[in-house]
Amino acid sequence: MARRTGFHAAAMRRPGIMRSAATGAITAVILFGLCWMSAFLPAGAMAHEYIRMFTRAEFFTATEFLTGLVGSSVFGGLAGGLIAAVSAALGHIWPTQNP
């Protein structure tokens, strides 16, 4: 069996911008969903602050949930992509030491 080298090996060591953007988007959607569900609890008032970042719809409606999911996935994707881009740029300044 041939050993994997070159581009594939480098891609496995470094997270790409698209993978980081997708990770950020999925994480933000999960966090939004958890906050939206916790808002139904008596002590869940603080969860509304995160929800309000992404939607201005009425509380506890499908519109609020769906627009919030879209808004949080876009925000998470942008944040993840930005983090990956900055990390890649800094990788040229401070290269990773491989054992």
Protein backbone atom coordinates (compact mmCIF):
# COMPACT_ATOMS: atom_id res chain seq x y z
CA MET A 1 0.00 0.00 0.00
CA ALA A 2 1.39 3.38 -0.98
CA ARG A 3 2.10 5.93 1.72
CA ARG A 4 0.25 9.24 1.49
CA THR A 5 2.53 12.19 1.00
CA GLY A 6 2.54 15.65 -0.49
CA PHE A 7 -0.59 17.75 -0.60
CA HIS A 8 -2.84 15.24 1.18
CA ALA A 9 -0.46 14.91 4.13
CA ALA A 10 -0.19 18.70 4.43
CA ALA A 11 -3.98 19.03 4.30
CA MET A 12 -4.33 16.55 7.14
CA ARG A 13 -1.94 18.55 9.34
CA ARG A 14 -3.43 22.00 8.72
CA PRO A 15 -7.11 22.87 8.94
CA GLY A 16 -8.29 24.61 5.79
CA ILE A 17 -10.35 27.75 5.60
CA MET A 18 -13.43 25.92 4.32
CA ARG A 19 -13.22 23.22 6.98
CA SER A 20 -12.83 25.84 9.70
CA ALA A 21 -15.72 27.86 8.27
CA ALA A 22 -17.94 24.77 8.22
CA THR A 23 -16.88 23.91 11.77
CA GLY A 24 -17.71 27.42 12.95
CA ALA A 25 -21.07 27.38 11.18
CA ILE A 26 -22.09 24.00 12.58
CA THR A 27 -20.93 24.93 16.08
CA ALA A 28 -22.84 28.23 16.00
CA VAL A 29 -26.02 26.46 14.83
CA ILE A 30 -25.73 23.92 17.64
CA LEU A 31 -25.11 26.68 20.18
CA PHE A 32 -28.08 28.66 18.85
CA GLY A 33 -30.32 25.60 19.07
CA LEU A 34 -29.24 24.93 22.65
CA CYS A 35 -29.84 28.55 23.63
CA TRP A 36 -33.23 28.56 21.91
CA MET A 37 -34.27 25.40 23.78
CA SER A 38 -32.93 26.70 27.11
CA ALA A 39 -34.99 29.88 26.68
CA PHE A 40 -38.05 27.75 27.47
CA LEU A 41 -36.66 27.07 30.96
CA PRO A 42 -37.49 29.46 33.83
CA ALA A 43 -33.80 30.33 34.26
CA GLY A 44 -33.14 30.68 30.52
CA ALA A 45 -33.54 34.46 30.23
CA MET A 46 -29.84 34.96 29.51
CA ALA A 47 -30.08 32.69 26.47
CA HIS A 48 -32.20 35.37 24.78
CA GLU A 49 -29.15 37.63 24.49
CA TYR A 50 -27.43 35.15 22.17
CA ILE A 51 -30.66 34.59 20.25
CA ARG A 52 -31.15 38.35 19.79
CA MET A 53 -27.78 38.58 18.03
CA PHE A 54 -29.26 36.76 15.05
CA THR A 55 -32.99 37.49 14.94
CA ARG A 56 -35.53 40.11 15.95
CA ALA A 57 -38.59 37.91 15.44
CA GLU A 58 -41.11 37.20 18.20
CA PHE A 59 -39.97 34.86 20.96
CA PHE A 60 -40.75 31.14 20.72
CA THR A 61 -41.80 31.12 17.06
CA ALA A 62 -40.65 29.05 14.11
CA THR A 63 -39.61 32.28 12.37
CA GLU A 64 -37.32 33.17 15.25
CA PHE A 65 -35.80 29.70 15.22
CA LEU A 66 -35.24 29.52 11.45
CA THR A 67 -33.89 33.04 10.96
CA GLY A 68 -31.66 32.55 13.97
CA LEU A 69 -30.29 29.30 12.56
CA VAL A 70 -29.46 30.98 9.26
CA GLY A 71 -27.95 34.03 10.94
CA SER A 72 -25.86 32.00 13.35
CA SER A 73 -24.61 29.67 10.61
CA VAL A 74 -23.50 32.64 8.49
CA PHE A 75 -21.82 34.25 11.51
CA GLY A 76 -20.15 30.97 12.50
CA GLY A 77 -18.94 30.38 8.95
CA LEU A 78 -17.47 33.86 8.70
CA ALA A 79 -15.86 33.57 12.12
CA GLY A 80 -14.40 30.13 11.39
CA GLY A 81 -13.10 31.25 7.99
CA LEU A 82 -11.56 34.38 9.46
CA ILE A 83 -9.87 32.39 12.21
CA ALA A 84 -8.46 29.94 9.65
CA ALA A 85 -7.25 32.74 7.37
CA VAL A 86 -5.47 34.52 10.21
CA SER A 87 -4.02 31.22 11.41
CA ALA A 88 -2.72 30.46 7.90
CA ALA A 89 -1.20 33.92 7.63
CA LEU A 90 0.50 33.56 11.00
CA GLY A 91 1.72 30.10 9.99
CA HIS A 92 4.13 31.80 7.60
CA ILE A 93 5.55 33.88 10.44
CA TRP A 94 5.64 31.12 13.10
CA PRO A 95 5.86 27.77 11.32
CA THR A 96 4.78 24.66 13.21
CA GLN A 97 7.59 22.52 14.55
CA ASN A 98 7.12 18.93 13.38
CA PRO A 99 8.68 16.16 15.51
